[in-house]
Amino acid sequence: MFYFSSMVLIISVVLVSLPLITSQYPKSDRENLSPFECGFDPKNTSRTPFSLQFFLIAVIFLIFDVEVALLLPMPLIMASFNTTNTLLLIILFMFILLLGLYYEWLNGALNWTI
C-alpha cells in the first residue's frame, strides 16, 4: 500500500513539474499583459456602445446550441418509447424552432450590417 501511494505521489510531482521545466516563458510586454475581451480595446472608455446586432446573433446561437443538445438524445428516446408520440413531439419542437427562426429572419435580426 505504501509503495502504491508513493508511486502515485512521484508520478503526480513529475507530471506537474515537467511542463514547468520544459516550457519557455515568452517575454512579457505591454500587449501580452493587457486584458482582451471580444475585440474591445481595454484602453478605451468602458461606455462605448455595444452592438445590439452582435448580442442578437449571440442569443440566437445559444438558442440553437441548446436545441442541438436537446435533439441529440432523440433517437435513443424513440427506441425506448412510443415512436408515434415521440415523433410528433420532435416535429412540434422543430416547428416551434423554425417558426422562431422565421420570425427572426423577417425582423431582420439575421442580416449582419455594419
PDB file of N, CA and C in Angstrom:
ATOM      1  N   MET A   1       0.820  -1.191   0.000  1.00  0.00           N
ATOM      2  CA  MET A   1       0.000   0.000   0.000  1.00  0.00           C
ATOM      3  C   MET A   1       0.868   1.259   0.000  1.00  0.00           C
ATOM      4  N   PHE A   2       1.925   1.241   0.810  1.00  0.00           N
ATOM      5  CA  PHE A   2       2.822   2.384   0.854  1.00  0.00           C
ATOM      6  C   PHE A   2       3.537   2.575  -0.485  1.00  0.00           C
ATOM      7  N   TYR A   3       3.885   1.461  -1.120  1.00  0.00           N
ATOM      8  CA  TYR A   3       4.565   1.517  -2.407  1.00  0.00           C
ATOM      9  C   TYR A   3       3.671   2.176  -3.454  1.00  0.00           C
ATOM     10  N   PHE A   4       2.402   1.807  -3.465  1.00  0.00           N
ATOM     11  CA  PHE A   4       1.455   2.374  -4.443  1.00  0.00           C
ATOM     12  C   PHE A   4       1.262   3.870  -4.225  1.00  0.00           C
ATOM     13  N   SER A   5       1.077   4.301  -2.991  1.00  0.00           N
ATOM     14  CA  SER A   5       0.853   5.722  -2.723  1.00  0.00           C
ATOM     15  C   SER A   5       2.102   6.550  -3.010  1.00  0.00           C
ATOM     16  N   SER A   6       3.275   5.986  -2.757  1.00  0.00           N
ATOM     17  CA  SER A   6       4.499   6.731  -3.067  1.00  0.00           C
ATOM     18  C   SER A   6       4.696   6.837  -4.579  1.00  0.00           C
ATOM     19  N   MET A   7       4.339   5.812  -5.320  1.00  0.00           N
ATOM     20  CA  MET A   7       4.436   5.872  -6.780  1.00  0.00           C
ATOM     21  C   MET A   7       3.461   6.903  -7.349  1.00  0.00           C
ATOM     22  N   VAL A   8       2.271   6.955  -6.792  1.00  0.00           N
ATOM     23  CA  VAL A   8       1.289   7.943  -7.242  1.00  0.00           C
ATOM     24  C   VAL A   8       1.795   9.351  -6.952  1.00  0.00           C
ATOM     25  N   LEU A   9       2.394   9.554  -5.813  1.00  0.00           N
ATOM     26  CA  LEU A   9       2.942  10.862  -5.453  1.00  0.00           C
ATOM     27  C   LEU A   9       4.085  11.255  -6.388  1.00  0.00           C
ATOM     28  N   ILE A  10       4.965  10.331  -6.684  1.00  0.00           N
ATOM     29  CA  ILE A  10       6.095  10.618  -7.569  1.00  0.00           C
ATOM     30  C   ILE A  10       5.608  10.941  -8.980  1.00  0.00           C
ATOM     31  N   ILE A  11       4.681  10.155  -9.493  1.00  0.00           N
ATOM     32  CA  ILE A  11       4.140  10.404 -10.835  1.00  0.00           C
ATOM     33  C   ILE A  11       3.430  11.746 -10.883  1.00  0.00           C
ATOM     34  N   SER A  12       2.697  12.092  -9.847  1.00  0.00           N
ATOM     35  CA  SER A  12       1.998  13.375  -9.811  1.00  0.00           C
ATOM     36  C   SER A  12       2.974  14.545  -9.810  1.00  0.00           C
ATOM     37  N   VAL A  13       4.015  14.437  -9.009  1.00  0.00           N
ATOM     38  CA  VAL A  13       5.006  15.509  -8.942  1.00  0.00           C
ATOM     39  C   VAL A  13       5.725  15.649 -10.285  1.00  0.00           C
ATOM     40  N   VAL A  14       6.049  14.539 -10.923  1.00  0.00           N
ATOM     41  CA  VAL A  14       6.725  14.594 -12.224  1.00  0.00           C
ATOM     42  C   VAL A  14       5.805  15.216 -13.274  1.00  0.00           C
ATOM     43  N   LEU A  15       4.558  14.829 -13.297  1.00  0.00           N
ATOM     44  CA  LEU A  15       3.635  15.359 -14.302  1.00  0.00           C
ATOM     45  C   LEU A  15       3.324  16.839 -14.083  1.00  0.00           C
ATOM     46  N   VAL A  16       3.351  17.298 -12.855  1.00  0.00           N
ATOM     47  CA  VAL A  16       3.104  18.717 -12.593  1.00  0.00           C
ATOM     48  C   VAL A  16       4.345  19.544 -12.899  1.00  0.00           C
ATOM     49  N   SER A  17       5.520  19.029 -12.579  1.00  0.00           N
ATOM     50  CA  SER A  17       6.744  19.818 -12.757  1.00  0.00           C
ATOM     51  C   SER A  17       7.300  19.737 -14.175  1.00  0.00           C
ATOM     52  N   LEU A  18       6.969  18.733 -14.956  1.00  0.00           N
ATOM     53  CA  LEU A  18       7.509  18.582 -16.301  1.00  0.00           C
ATOM     54  C   LEU A  18       7.163  19.762 -17.218  1.00  0.00           C
ATOM     55  N   PRO A  19       5.929  20.230 -17.280  1.00  0.00           N
ATOM     56  CA  PRO A  19       5.664  21.409 -18.124  1.00  0.00           C
ATOM     57  C   PRO A  19       6.381  22.669 -17.633  1.00  0.00           C
ATOM     58  N   LEU A  20       6.537  22.804 -16.333  1.00  0.00           N
ATOM     59  CA  LEU A  20       7.239  23.979 -15.806  1.00  0.00           C
ATOM     60  C   LEU A  20       8.714  23.978 -16.202  1.00  0.00           C
ATOM     61  N   ILE A  21       9.303  22.810 -16.249  1.00  0.00           N
ATOM     62  CA  ILE A  21      10.717  22.710 -16.583  1.00  0.00           C
ATOM     63  C   ILE A  21      10.936  22.875 -18.084  1.00  0.00           C
ATOM     64  N   THR A  22      10.097  22.269 -18.902  1.00  0.00           N
ATOM     65  CA  THR A  22      10.323  22.243 -20.348  1.00  0.00           C
ATOM     66  C   THR A  22       9.767  23.449 -21.083  1.00  0.00           C
ATOM     67  N   SER A  23       8.879  24.214 -20.491  1.00  0.00           N
ATOM     68  CA  SER A  23       8.288  25.334 -21.220  1.00  0.00           C
ATOM     69  C   SER A  23       9.228  26.523 -21.257  1.00  0.00           C
ATOM     70  N   GLN A  24       9.081  27.285 -22.317  1.00  0.00           N
ATOM     71  CA  GLN A  24       9.850  28.512 -22.445  1.00  0.00           C
ATOM     72  C   GLN A  24       8.876  29.666 -22.252  1.00  0.00           C
ATOM     73  N   TYR A  25       9.126  30.460 -21.264  1.00  0.00           N
ATOM     74  CA  TYR A  25       8.234  31.575 -20.978  1.00  0.00           C
ATOM     75  C   TYR A  25       8.475  32.681 -21.998  1.00  0.00           C
ATOM     76  N   PRO A  26       7.408  33.162 -22.633  1.00  0.00           N
ATOM     77  CA  PRO A  26       7.598  34.256 -23.593  1.00  0.00           C
ATOM     78  C   PRO A  26       7.896  35.556 -22.853  1.00  0.00           C
ATOM     79  N   LYS A  27       8.509  36.464 -23.577  1.00  0.00           N
ATOM     80  CA  LYS A  27       8.801  37.763 -22.982  1.00  0.00           C
ATOM     81  C   LYS A  27       7.489  38.505 -22.758  1.00  0.00           C
ATOM     82  N   SER A  28       7.321  39.035 -21.587  1.00  0.00           N
ATOM     83  CA  SER A  28       6.112  39.779 -21.268  1.00  0.00           C
ATOM     84  C   SER A  28       6.272  41.214 -21.733  1.00  0.00           C
ATOM     85  N   ASP A  29       5.326  41.675 -22.517  1.00  0.00           N
ATOM     86  CA  ASP A  29       5.322  43.066 -22.917  1.00  0.00           C
ATOM     87  C   ASP A  29       3.947  43.660 -22.610  1.00  0.00           C
ATOM     88  N   ARG A  30       3.771  44.892 -22.978  1.00  0.00           N
ATOM     89  CA  ARG A  30       2.539  45.603 -22.629  1.00  0.00           C
ATOM     90  C   ARG A  30       1.311  44.982 -23.292  1.00  0.00           C
ATOM     91  N   GLU A  31       1.467  44.519 -24.526  1.00  0.00           N
ATOM     92  CA  GLU A  31       0.336  43.921 -25.243  1.00  0.00           C
ATOM     93  C   GLU A  31      -0.076  42.580 -24.628  1.00  0.00           C
ATOM     94  N   ASN A  32       0.897  41.785 -24.236  1.00  0.00           N
ATOM     95  CA  ASN A  32       0.571  40.483 -23.652  1.00  0.00           C
ATOM     96  C   ASN A  32      -0.030  40.608 -22.267  1.00  0.00           C
ATOM     97  N   LEU A  33       0.329  41.634 -21.533  1.00  0.00           N
ATOM     98  CA  LEU A  33      -0.172  41.793 -20.179  1.00  0.00           C
ATOM     99  C   LEU A  33      -1.525  42.492 -20.116  1.00  0.00           C
ATOM    100  N   SER A  34      -1.966  43.099 -21.227  1.00  0.00           N
ATOM    101  CA  SER A  34      -3.247  43.804 -21.214  1.00  0.00           C
ATOM    102  C   SER A  34      -4.385  42.818 -21.438  1.00  0.00           C
ATOM    103  N   PRO A  35      -5.520  43.031 -20.791  1.00  0.00           N
ATOM    104  CA  PRO A  35      -6.665  42.134 -20.973  1.00  0.00           C
ATOM    105  C   PRO A  35      -7.280  42.313 -22.357  1.00  0.00           C
ATOM    106  N   PHE A  36      -7.885  41.258 -22.863  1.00  0.00           N
ATOM    107  CA  PHE A  36      -8.524  41.302 -24.182  1.00  0.00           C
ATOM    108  C   PHE A  36      -9.860  40.584 -24.080  1.00  0.00           C
ATOM    109  N   GLU A  37     -10.916  41.263 -24.439  1.00  0.00           N
ATOM    110  CA  GLU A  37     -12.235  40.650 -24.393  1.00  0.00           C
ATOM    111  C   GLU A  37     -13.031  41.019 -25.623  1.00  0.00           C
ATOM    112  N   CYS A  38     -13.303  40.059 -26.455  1.00  0.00           N
ATOM    113  CA  CYS A  38     -14.240  40.178 -27.580  1.00  0.00           C
ATOM    114  C   CYS A  38     -13.950  41.366 -28.498  1.00  0.00           C
ATOM    115  N   GLY A  39     -12.722  41.688 -28.731  1.00  0.00           N
ATOM    116  CA  GLY A  39     -12.390  42.747 -29.653  1.00  0.00           C
ATOM    117  C   GLY A  39     -12.504  44.147 -29.101  1.00  0.00           C
ATOM    118  N   PHE A  40     -12.801  44.311 -27.824  1.00  0.00           N
ATOM    119  CA  PHE A  40     -12.887  45.638 -27.236  1.00  0.00           C
ATOM    120  C   PHE A  40     -11.499  46.093 -26.809  1.00  0.00           C
ATOM    121  N   ASP A  41     -11.205  47.329 -27.038  1.00  0.00           N
ATOM    122  CA  ASP A  41      -9.930  47.893 -26.630  1.00  0.00           C
ATOM    123  C   ASP A  41      -9.980  48.190 -25.136  1.00  0.00           C
ATOM    124  N   PRO A  42      -9.124  47.580 -24.328  1.00  0.00           N
ATOM    125  CA  PRO A  42      -9.194  47.795 -22.878  1.00  0.00           C
ATOM    126  C   PRO A  42      -8.723  49.188 -22.460  1.00  0.00           C
ATOM    127  N   LYS A  43      -8.040  49.890 -23.358  1.00  0.00           N
ATOM    128  CA  LYS A  43      -7.541  51.216 -23.002  1.00  0.00           C
ATOM    129  C   LYS A  43      -8.562  52.316 -23.294  1.00  0.00           C
ATOM    130  N   ASN A  44      -9.641  51.967 -23.977  1.00  0.00           N
ATOM    131  CA  ASN A  44     -10.712  52.922 -24.254  1.00  0.00           C
ATOM    132  C   ASN A  44     -11.667  53.012 -23.079  1.00  0.00           C
ATOM    133  N   THR A  45     -12.591  53.915 -23.167  1.00  0.00           N
ATOM    134  CA  THR A  45     -13.602  54.040 -22.121  1.00  0.00           C
ATOM    135  C   THR A  45     -14.545  52.840 -22.161  1.00  0.00           C
ATOM    136  N   SER A  46     -15.080  52.482 -21.040  1.00  0.00           N
ATOM    137  CA  SER A  46     -15.969  51.323 -20.977  1.00  0.00           C
ATOM    138  C   SER A  46     -17.400  51.673 -21.353  1.00  0.00           C
ATOM    139  N   ARG A  47     -17.672  52.903 -21.665  1.00  0.00           N
ATOM    140  CA  ARG A  47     -19.025  53.340 -22.002  1.00  0.00           C
ATOM    141  C   ARG A  47     -19.271  53.394 -23.504  1.00  0.00           C
ATOM    142  N   THR A  48     -18.485  52.678 -24.281  1.00  0.00           N
ATOM    143  CA  THR A  48     -18.724  52.658 -25.716  1.00  0.00           C
ATOM    144  C   THR A  48     -19.981  51.854 -26.001  1.00  0.00           C
ATOM    145  N   PRO A  49     -20.738  52.212 -27.020  1.00  0.00           N
ATOM    146  CA  PRO A  49     -21.984  51.496 -27.296  1.00  0.00           C
ATOM    147  C   PRO A  49     -21.712  50.064 -27.758  1.00  0.00           C
ATOM    148  N   PHE A  50     -22.543  49.168 -27.285  1.00  0.00           N
ATOM    149  CA  PHE A  50     -22.431  47.756 -27.614  1.00  0.00           C
ATOM    150  C   PHE A  50     -23.357  47.448 -28.776  1.00  0.00           C
ATOM    151  N   SER A  51     -22.886  46.679 -29.727  1.00  0.00           N
ATOM    152  CA  SER A  51     -23.674  46.353 -30.913  1.00  0.00           C
ATOM    153  C   SER A  51     -24.830  45.424 -30.535  1.00  0.00           C
ATOM    154  N   LEU A  52     -26.045  45.904 -30.748  1.00  0.00           N
ATOM    155  CA  LEU A  52     -27.221  45.085 -30.476  1.00  0.00           C
ATOM    156  C   LEU A  52     -27.298  43.911 -31.439  1.00  0.00           C
ATOM    157  N   GLN A  53     -26.821  44.110 -32.657  1.00  0.00           N
ATOM    158  CA  GLN A  53     -26.818  43.038 -33.651  1.00  0.00           C
ATOM    159  C   GLN A  53     -25.942  41.873 -33.180  1.00  0.00           C
ATOM    160  N   PHE A  54     -24.777  42.182 -32.633  1.00  0.00           N
ATOM    161  CA  PHE A  54     -23.891  41.143 -32.108  1.00  0.00           C
ATOM    162  C   PHE A  54     -24.563  40.380 -30.971  1.00  0.00           C
ATOM    163  N   PHE A  55     -25.247  41.095 -30.112  1.00  0.00           N
ATOM    164  CA  PHE A  55     -25.954  40.468 -28.996  1.00  0.00           C
ATOM    165  C   PHE A  55     -27.057  39.539 -29.502  1.00  0.00           C
ATOM    166  N   LEU A  56     -27.835  39.966 -30.505  1.00  0.00           N
ATOM    167  CA  LEU A  56     -28.917  39.128 -31.037  1.00  0.00           C
ATOM    168  C   LEU A  56     -28.377  37.863 -31.703  1.00  0.00           C
ATOM    169  N   ILE A  57     -27.302  38.004 -32.446  1.00  0.00           N
ATOM    170  CA  ILE A  57     -26.705  36.819 -33.070  1.00  0.00           C
ATOM    171  C   ILE A  57     -26.188  35.858 -32.002  1.00  0.00           C
ATOM    172  N   ALA A  58     -25.615  36.380 -30.938  1.00  0.00           N
ATOM    173  CA  ALA A  58     -25.119  35.517 -29.859  1.00  0.00           C
ATOM    174  C   ALA A  58     -26.270  34.788 -29.171  1.00  0.00           C
ATOM    175  N   VAL A  59     -27.389  35.465 -28.955  1.00  0.00           N
ATOM    176  CA  VAL A  59     -28.546  34.828 -28.320  1.00  0.00           C
ATOM    177  C   VAL A  59     -29.139  33.760 -29.242  1.00  0.00           C
ATOM    178  N   ILE A  60     -29.233  34.060 -30.534  1.00  0.00           N
ATOM    179  CA  ILE A  60     -29.750  33.068 -31.489  1.00  0.00           C
ATOM    180  C   ILE A  60     -28.833  31.853 -31.525  1.00  0.00           C
ATOM    181  N   PHE A  61     -27.516  32.076 -31.491  1.00  0.00           N
ATOM    182  CA  PHE A  61     -26.580  30.956 -31.451  1.00  0.00           C
ATOM    183  C   PHE A  61     -26.799  30.104 -30.206  1.00  0.00           C
ATOM    184  N   LEU A  62     -26.983  30.740 -29.052  1.00  0.00           N
ATOM    185  CA  LEU A  62     -27.199  29.980 -27.823  1.00  0.00           C
ATOM    186  C   LEU A  62     -28.487  29.173 -27.880  1.00  0.00           C
ATOM    187  N   ILE A  63     -29.533  29.748 -28.459  1.00  0.00           N
ATOM    188  CA  ILE A  63     -30.800  29.027 -28.568  1.00  0.00           C
ATOM    189  C   ILE A  63     -30.633  27.775 -29.422  1.00  0.00           C
ATOM    190  N   PHE A  64     -29.969  27.905 -30.567  1.00  0.00           N
ATOM    191  CA  PHE A  64     -29.806  26.749 -31.436  1.00  0.00           C
ATOM    192  C   PHE A  64     -28.748  25.786 -30.926  1.00  0.00           C
ATOM    193  N   ASP A  65     -27.854  26.250 -30.098  1.00  0.00           N
ATOM    194  CA  ASP A  65     -26.903  25.358 -29.466  1.00  0.00           C
ATOM    195  C   ASP A  65     -27.611  24.459 -28.450  1.00  0.00           C
ATOM    196  N   VAL A  66     -28.530  25.034 -27.698  1.00  0.00           N
ATOM    197  CA  VAL A  66     -29.325  24.244 -26.758  1.00  0.00           C
ATOM    198  C   VAL A  66     -30.236  23.286 -27.519  1.00  0.00           C
ATOM    199  N   GLU A  67     -30.727  23.727 -28.670  1.00  0.00           N
ATOM    200  CA  GLU A  67     -31.577  22.863 -29.494  1.00  0.00           C
ATOM    201  C   GLU A  67     -30.829  21.598 -29.892  1.00  0.00           C
ATOM    202  N   VAL A  68     -29.576  21.713 -30.273  1.00  0.00           N
ATOM    203  CA  VAL A  68     -28.791  20.542 -30.659  1.00  0.00           C
ATOM    204  C   VAL A  68     -28.627  19.613 -29.466  1.00  0.00           C
ATOM    205  N   ALA A  69     -28.415  20.172 -28.293  1.00  0.00           N
ATOM    206  CA  ALA A  69     -28.270  19.341 -27.093  1.00  0.00           C
ATOM    207  C   ALA A  69     -29.566  18.614 -26.757  1.00  0.00           C
ATOM    208  N   LEU A  70     -30.699  19.215 -27.103  1.00  0.00           N
ATOM    209  CA  LEU A  70     -31.977  18.555 -26.849  1.00  0.00           C
ATOM    210  C   LEU A  70     -32.328  17.535 -27.928  1.00  0.00           C
ATOM    211  N   LEU A  71     -31.842  17.734 -29.139  1.00  0.00           N
ATOM    212  CA  LEU A  71     -32.175  16.817 -30.223  1.00  0.00           C
ATOM    213  C   LEU A  71     -31.254  15.609 -30.310  1.00  0.00           C
ATOM    214  N   LEU A  72     -30.056  15.681 -29.752  1.00  0.00           N
ATOM    215  CA  LEU A  72     -29.130  14.549 -29.843  1.00  0.00           C
ATOM    216  C   LEU A  72     -29.651  13.261 -29.203  1.00  0.00           C
ATOM    217  N   PRO A  73     -30.293  13.298 -28.035  1.00  0.00           N
ATOM    218  CA  PRO A  73     -30.764  12.031 -27.461  1.00  0.00           C
ATOM    219  C   PRO A  73     -32.095  11.533 -28.036  1.00  0.00           C
ATOM    220  N   MET A  74     -32.657  12.218 -29.001  1.00  0.00           N
ATOM    221  CA  MET A  74     -33.965  11.821 -29.520  1.00  0.00           C
ATOM    222  C   MET A  74     -33.988  10.426 -30.148  1.00  0.00           C
ATOM    223  N   PRO A  75     -32.966   9.965 -30.885  1.00  0.00           N
ATOM    224  CA  PRO A  75     -33.021   8.581 -31.390  1.00  0.00           C
ATOM    225  C   PRO A  75     -33.092   7.538 -30.279  1.00  0.00           C
ATOM    226  N   LEU A  76     -32.401   7.789 -29.177  1.00  0.00           N
ATOM    227  CA  LEU A  76     -32.473   6.844 -28.062  1.00  0.00           C
ATOM    228  C   LEU A  76     -33.858   6.849 -27.421  1.00  0.00           C
ATOM    229  N   ILE A  77     -34.456   8.032 -27.336  1.00  0.00           N
ATOM    230  CA  ILE A  77     -35.796   8.132 -26.775  1.00  0.00           C
ATOM    231  C   ILE A  77     -36.799   7.428 -27.679  1.00  0.00           C
ATOM    232  N   MET A  78     -36.634   7.607 -28.985  1.00  0.00           N
ATOM    233  CA  MET A  78     -37.556   6.957 -29.926  1.00  0.00           C
ATOM    234  C   MET A  78     -37.440   5.437 -29.869  1.00  0.00           C
ATOM    235  N   ALA A  79     -36.252   4.930 -29.554  1.00  0.00           N
ATOM    236  CA  ALA A  79     -36.066   3.488 -29.484  1.00  0.00           C
ATOM    237  C   ALA A  79     -36.705   2.885 -28.242  1.00  0.00           C
ATOM    238  N   SER A  80     -36.838   3.667 -27.182  1.00  0.00           N
ATOM    239  CA  SER A  80     -37.332   3.089 -25.942  1.00  0.00           C
ATOM    240  C   SER A  80     -38.768   3.464 -25.606  1.00  0.00           C
ATOM    241  N   PHE A  81     -39.364   4.424 -26.305  1.00  0.00           N
ATOM    242  CA  PHE A  81     -40.732   4.826 -26.018  1.00  0.00           C
ATOM    243  C   PHE A  81     -41.604   4.663 -27.250  1.00  0.00           C
ATOM    244  N   ASN A  82     -42.845   5.086 -27.112  1.00  0.00           N
ATOM    245  CA  ASN A  82     -43.787   5.022 -28.220  1.00  0.00           C
ATOM    246  C   ASN A  82     -43.292   5.932 -29.349  1.00  0.00           C
ATOM    247  N   THR A  83     -43.082   5.353 -30.506  1.00  0.00           N
ATOM    248  CA  THR A  83     -42.470   6.074 -31.618  1.00  0.00           C
ATOM    249  C   THR A  83     -43.367   7.169 -32.165  1.00  0.00           C
ATOM    250  N   THR A  84     -44.658   6.947 -32.226  1.00  0.00           N
ATOM    251  CA  THR A  84     -45.561   7.935 -32.810  1.00  0.00           C
ATOM    252  C   THR A  84     -45.619   9.199 -31.962  1.00  0.00           C
ATOM    253  N   ASN A  85     -45.785   9.048 -30.659  1.00  0.00           N
ATOM    254  CA  ASN A  85     -45.846  10.221 -29.790  1.00  0.00           C
ATOM    255  C   ASN A  85     -44.518  10.980 -29.758  1.00  0.00           C
ATOM    256  N   THR A  86     -43.432  10.241 -29.736  1.00  0.00           N
ATOM    257  CA  THR A  86     -42.125  10.877 -29.716  1.00  0.00           C
ATOM    258  C   THR A  86     -41.854  11.610 -31.019  1.00  0.00           C
ATOM    259  N   LEU A  87     -42.237  11.020 -32.141  1.00  0.00           N
ATOM    260  CA  LEU A  87     -42.045  11.665 -33.431  1.00  0.00           C
ATOM    261  C   LEU A  87     -42.885  12.940 -33.528  1.00  0.00           C
ATOM    262  N   LEU A  88     -44.107  12.905 -33.022  1.00  0.00           N
ATOM    263  CA  LEU A  88     -44.931  14.116 -33.010  1.00  0.00           C
ATOM    264  C   LEU A  88     -44.324  15.197 -32.116  1.00  0.00           C
ATOM    265  N   LEU A  89     -43.752  14.806 -31.005  1.00  0.00           N
ATOM    266  CA  LEU A  89     -43.088  15.760 -30.116  1.00  0.00           C
ATOM    267  C   LEU A  89     -41.876  16.397 -30.790  1.00  0.00           C
ATOM    268  N   ILE A  90     -41.084  15.596 -31.498  1.00  0.00           N
ATOM    269  CA  ILE A  90     -39.919  16.116 -32.212  1.00  0.00           C
ATOM    270  C   ILE A  90     -40.355  17.075 -33.314  1.00  0.00           C
ATOM    271  N   ILE A  91     -41.395  16.711 -34.053  1.00  0.00           N
ATOM    272  CA  ILE A  91     -41.896  17.573 -35.126  1.00  0.00           C
ATOM    273  C   ILE A  91     -42.421  18.883 -34.551  1.00  0.00           C
ATOM    274  N   LEU A  92     -43.133  18.831 -33.440  1.00  0.00           N
ATOM    275  CA  LEU A  92     -43.626  20.061 -32.806  1.00  0.00           C
ATOM    276  C   LEU A  92     -42.465  20.928 -32.332  1.00  0.00           C
ATOM    277  N   PHE A  93     -41.462  20.307 -31.732  1.00  0.00           N
ATOM    278  CA  PHE A  93     -40.287  21.039 -31.256  1.00  0.00           C
ATOM    279  C   PHE A  93     -39.557  21.718 -32.413  1.00  0.00           C
ATOM    280  N   MET A  94     -39.346  20.985 -33.504  1.00  0.00           N
ATOM    281  CA  MET A  94     -38.676  21.563 -34.667  1.00  0.00           C
ATOM    282  C   MET A  94     -39.519  22.670 -35.296  1.00  0.00           C
ATOM    283  N   PHE A  95     -40.846  22.496 -35.317  1.00  0.00           N
ATOM    284  CA  PHE A  95     -41.722  23.517 -35.887  1.00  0.00           C
ATOM    285  C   PHE A  95     -41.641  24.816 -35.091  1.00  0.00           C
ATOM    286  N   ILE A  96     -41.621  24.707 -33.763  1.00  0.00           N
ATOM    287  CA  ILE A  96     -41.515  25.905 -32.926  1.00  0.00           C
ATOM    288  C   ILE A  96     -40.174  26.603 -33.154  1.00  0.00           C
ATOM    289  N   LEU A  97     -39.103  25.831 -33.255  1.00  0.00           N
ATOM    290  CA  LEU A  97     -37.796  26.433 -33.511  1.00  0.00           C
ATOM    291  C   LEU A  97     -37.725  27.077 -34.891  1.00  0.00           C
ATOM    292  N   LEU A  98     -38.269  26.420 -35.899  1.00  0.00           N
ATOM    293  CA  LEU A  98     -38.263  27.001 -37.245  1.00  0.00           C
ATOM    294  C   LEU A  98     -39.158  28.228 -37.320  1.00  0.00           C
ATOM    295  N   LEU A  99     -40.253  28.233 -36.581  1.00  0.00           N
ATOM    296  CA  LEU A  99     -41.123  29.403 -36.531  1.00  0.00           C
ATOM    297  C   LEU A  99     -40.386  30.583 -35.888  1.00  0.00           C
ATOM    298  N   GLY A 100     -39.636  30.332 -34.834  1.00  0.00           N
ATOM    299  CA  GLY A 100     -38.837  31.389 -34.209  1.00  0.00           C
ATOM    300  C   GLY A 100     -37.735  31.902 -35.119  1.00  0.00           C
ATOM    301  N   LEU A 101     -37.094  30.990 -35.852  1.00  0.00           N
ATOM    302  CA  LEU A 101     -36.073  31.396 -36.800  1.00  0.00           C
ATOM    303  C   LEU A 101     -36.670  32.236 -37.928  1.00  0.00           C
ATOM    304  N   TYR A 102     -37.830  31.851 -38.422  1.00  0.00           N
ATOM    305  CA  TYR A 102     -38.507  32.609 -39.472  1.00  0.00           C
ATOM    306  C   TYR A 102     -38.892  34.001 -38.960  1.00  0.00           C
ATOM    307  N   TYR A 103     -39.342  34.084 -37.727  1.00  0.00           N
ATOM    308  CA  TYR A 103     -39.686  35.373 -37.121  1.00  0.00           C
ATOM    309  C   TYR A 103     -38.454  36.273 -37.032  1.00  0.00           C
ATOM    310  N   GLU A 104     -37.330  35.701 -36.599  1.00  0.00           N
ATOM    311  CA  GLU A 104     -36.087  36.480 -36.523  1.00  0.00           C
ATOM    312  C   GLU A 104     -35.635  36.927 -37.907  1.00  0.00           C
ATOM    313  N   TRP A 105     -35.826  36.077 -38.889  1.00  0.00           N
ATOM    314  CA  TRP A 105     -35.431  36.405 -40.253  1.00  0.00           C
ATOM    315  C   TRP A 105     -36.286  37.541 -40.807  1.00  0.00           C
ATOM    316  N   LEU A 106     -37.601  37.487 -40.547  1.00  0.00           N
ATOM    317  CA  LEU A 106     -38.489  38.549 -41.028  1.00  0.00           C
ATOM    318  C   LEU A 106     -38.199  39.888 -40.361  1.00  0.00           C
ATOM    319  N   ASN A 107     -37.794  39.867 -39.106  1.00  0.00           N
ATOM    320  CA  ASN A 107     -37.483  41.110 -38.396  1.00  0.00           C
ATOM    321  C   ASN A 107     -36.093  41.644 -38.712  1.00  0.00           C
ATOM    322  N   GLY A 108     -35.318  40.911 -39.498  1.00  0.00           N
ATOM    323  CA  GLY A 108     -34.007  41.389 -39.907  1.00  0.00           C
ATOM    324  C   GLY A 108     -32.918  41.149 -38.890  1.00  0.00           C
ATOM    325  N   ALA A 109     -33.135  40.290 -37.914  1.00  0.00           N
ATOM    326  CA  ALA A 109     -32.105  40.021 -36.901  1.00  0.00           C
ATOM    327  C   ALA A 109     -30.951  39.222 -37.459  1.00  0.00           C
ATOM    328  N   LEU A 110     -31.140  38.543 -38.576  1.00  0.00           N
ATOM    329  CA  LEU A 110     -30.085  37.726 -39.161  1.00  0.00           C
ATOM    330  C   LEU A 110     -29.275  38.472 -40.203  1.00  0.00           C
ATOM    331  N   ASN A 111     -29.655  39.695 -40.548  1.00  0.00           N
ATOM    332  CA  ASN A 111     -28.896  40.496 -41.503  1.00  0.00           C
ATOM    333  C   ASN A 111     -27.739  41.165 -40.796  1.00  0.00           C
ATOM    334  N   TRP A 112     -26.535  40.780 -41.150  1.00  0.00           N
ATOM    335  CA  TRP A 112     -25.356  41.326 -40.486  1.00  0.00           C
ATOM    336  C   TRP A 112     -24.928  42.587 -41.238  1.00  0.00           C
ATOM    337  N   THR A 113     -25.319  43.721 -40.695  1.00  0.00           N
ATOM    338  CA  THR A 113     -24.921  45.000 -41.299  1.00  0.00           C
ATOM    339  C   THR A 113     -24.031  45.737 -40.328  1.00  0.00           C
ATOM    340  N   ILE A 114     -23.072  46.421 -40.869  1.00  0.00           N
ATOM    341  CA  ILE A 114     -22.119  47.133 -40.012  1.00  0.00           C
ATOM    342  C   ILE A 114     -22.530  48.574 -39.849  1.00  0.00           C
TER     343      ILE A 114
END
